[in-house]
């Protein structure tokens, strides 16, 4: 019983981080893209593609609110977050580092993504989540 309470607390912490960081930054990006680009020292970007990222991050923040109510049921939100961040690190960040170096804004994104990757790996109960369900 205590393990289940501990797991729910850890999951809730990850949902809160998602609400605050992903949801908050996504909302900032939607409300004022030019301010957000300047704040994070990002170069000018196509506002439609930037808007896609903003909408996705805002959606993660909103969906994570559901995770506060029922942390175990909404684990797929954290799993999806983990997978897309891993894909970004290995398919976008690392190849660009190899080809053209690193920009400051990219390092900031990487550090936030690593925070979530580590947090998700430590929090998501993979064995239980992917284990065989009783009939």
Protein backbone atom coordinates (compact mmCIF):
# COMPACT_ATOMS: atom_id res chain seq x y z
CA UNK A 1 0.00 0.00 0.00
CA UNK A 2 2.79 2.43 0.88
CA UNK A 3 4.54 1.69 -2.43
CA UNK A 4 1.37 2.59 -4.33
CA UNK A 5 1.08 5.89 -2.42
CA UNK A 6 4.75 6.62 -3.09
CA UNK A 7 4.27 5.85 -6.81
CA UNK A 8 1.22 8.13 -7.00
CA UNK A 9 3.16 10.95 -5.33
CA UNK A 10 6.06 10.57 -7.79
CA UNK A 11 3.66 10.53 -10.72
CA UNK A 12 1.89 13.62 -9.41
CA UNK A 13 5.23 15.44 -9.18
CA UNK A 14 5.88 14.63 -12.85
CA UNK A 15 2.39 15.80 -13.80
CA UNK A 16 2.94 19.07 -11.91
CA UNK A 17 6.27 19.60 -13.69
CA UNK A 18 4.51 18.96 -17.00
CA UNK A 19 1.71 21.39 -16.16
CA UNK A 20 4.10 24.14 -15.08
CA UNK A 21 6.92 23.75 -17.59
CA UNK A 22 5.37 22.25 -20.73
CA UNK A 23 1.97 23.85 -20.24
CA UNK A 24 3.37 27.18 -19.09
CA UNK A 25 5.96 27.52 -21.84
CA UNK A 26 3.48 26.28 -24.45
CA UNK A 27 0.95 28.88 -23.34
CA UNK A 28 3.61 31.61 -23.44
CA UNK A 29 4.56 30.51 -26.95
CA UNK A 30 0.91 30.72 -28.07
CA UNK A 31 0.18 34.08 -26.44
CA UNK A 32 3.39 35.86 -27.40
CA UNK A 33 5.67 33.91 -29.74
CA UNK A 34 8.05 36.84 -30.38
CA UNK A 35 8.47 37.51 -26.63
CA UNK A 36 9.07 33.82 -25.95
CA UNK A 37 11.65 33.54 -28.75
CA UNK A 38 13.47 36.59 -27.34
CA UNK A 39 13.22 35.31 -23.75
CA UNK A 40 14.81 31.97 -24.64
CA UNK A 41 17.27 33.51 -27.14
CA UNK A 42 15.75 31.58 -30.02
CA UNK A 43 16.24 32.62 -33.63
CA UNK A 44 13.17 33.69 -35.62
CA UNK A 45 11.16 30.65 -36.66
CA UNK A 46 8.26 29.77 -38.90
CA UNK A 47 5.32 30.74 -36.69
CA UNK A 48 3.18 27.83 -37.90
CA UNK A 49 5.78 25.22 -36.91
CA UNK A 50 6.48 27.14 -33.70
CA UNK A 51 2.73 27.13 -33.09
CA UNK A 52 2.61 23.34 -33.48
CA UNK A 53 5.20 22.94 -30.72
CA UNK A 54 3.33 25.49 -28.59
CA UNK A 55 0.01 23.69 -29.07
CA UNK A 56 1.52 20.29 -28.25
CA UNK A 57 3.21 21.55 -25.08
CA UNK A 58 0.04 23.32 -24.00
CA UNK A 59 -1.92 20.10 -24.62
CA UNK A 60 0.56 18.15 -22.48
CA UNK A 61 0.07 20.68 -19.68
CA UNK A 62 -3.72 20.43 -19.90
CA UNK A 63 -3.73 16.62 -20.08
CA UNK A 64 -1.37 16.41 -17.11
CA UNK A 65 -4.11 18.04 -15.02
CA UNK A 66 -6.06 14.79 -15.47
CA UNK A 67 -3.04 12.91 -14.16
CA UNK A 68 -3.32 14.73 -10.84
CA UNK A 69 -6.77 13.19 -10.36
CA UNK A 70 -5.84 9.64 -11.36
CA UNK A 71 -2.02 9.34 -11.66
CA UNK A 72 -1.82 5.69 -12.71
CA UNK A 73 -4.56 5.86 -15.34
CA UNK A 74 -2.82 8.72 -17.17
CA UNK A 75 0.70 7.23 -17.30
CA UNK A 76 0.49 7.19 -21.15
CA UNK A 77 0.83 11.00 -21.05
CA UNK A 78 4.22 10.65 -19.36
CA UNK A 79 5.18 7.78 -21.64
CA UNK A 80 4.39 9.79 -24.77
CA UNK A 81 6.34 12.72 -23.31
CA UNK A 82 9.31 10.45 -22.63
CA UNK A 83 9.29 8.95 -26.12
CA UNK A 84 9.07 12.23 -28.03
CA UNK A 85 11.82 13.79 -25.94
CA UNK A 86 14.11 10.79 -26.52
CA UNK A 87 13.40 11.00 -30.25
CA UNK A 88 14.24 14.71 -30.22
CA UNK A 89 17.54 14.13 -28.39
CA UNK A 90 18.70 11.31 -30.68
CA UNK A 91 17.16 12.32 -34.03
CA UNK A 92 17.34 16.13 -33.84
CA UNK A 93 19.77 17.38 -31.20
CA UNK A 94 22.69 14.95 -31.60
CA UNK A 95 22.79 15.00 -35.43
CA UNK A 96 22.72 18.82 -35.39
CA UNK A 97 25.50 18.94 -32.81
CA UNK A 98 27.63 16.68 -35.00
CA UNK A 99 26.97 18.73 -38.14
CA UNK A 100 26.85 22.30 -36.92
CA UNK A 101 27.58 22.71 -33.25
CA UNK A 102 25.33 23.84 -30.45
CA UNK A 103 23.29 27.00 -29.89
CA UNK A 104 22.49 28.35 -26.41
CA UNK A 105 18.73 27.93 -26.81
CA UNK A 106 19.25 24.31 -27.81
CA UNK A 107 21.25 23.60 -24.65
CA UNK A 108 18.41 25.07 -22.58
CA UNK A 109 15.90 22.79 -24.32
CA UNK A 110 18.22 19.81 -23.88
CA UNK A 111 18.57 20.40 -20.13
CA UNK A 112 14.79 20.65 -19.67
CA UNK A 113 14.27 17.55 -21.81
CA UNK A 114 16.88 15.62 -19.81
CA UNK A 115 15.11 16.64 -16.57
CA UNK A 116 11.89 15.12 -17.91
CA UNK A 117 13.58 12.05 -19.42
CA UNK A 118 15.28 11.18 -16.13
CA UNK A 119 12.14 11.98 -14.14
CA UNK A 120 9.95 9.85 -16.42
CA UNK A 121 12.40 6.93 -16.32
CA UNK A 122 12.51 7.07 -12.53
CA UNK A 123 8.75 7.47 -12.16
CA UNK A 124 6.97 5.37 -14.78
CA UNK A 125 6.45 1.83 -13.45
CA UNK A 126 7.45 0.13 -16.72
CA UNK A 127 7.31 -3.41 -15.32
CA UNK A 128 3.78 -2.94 -13.99
CA UNK A 129 2.58 -0.87 -16.95
CA UNK A 130 3.83 -3.26 -19.63
CA UNK A 131 3.47 -6.44 -17.58
CA UNK A 132 0.87 -9.07 -18.27
CA UNK A 133 -2.55 -8.10 -16.97
CA UNK A 134 -4.46 -10.71 -14.98
CA UNK A 135 -7.36 -12.32 -16.86
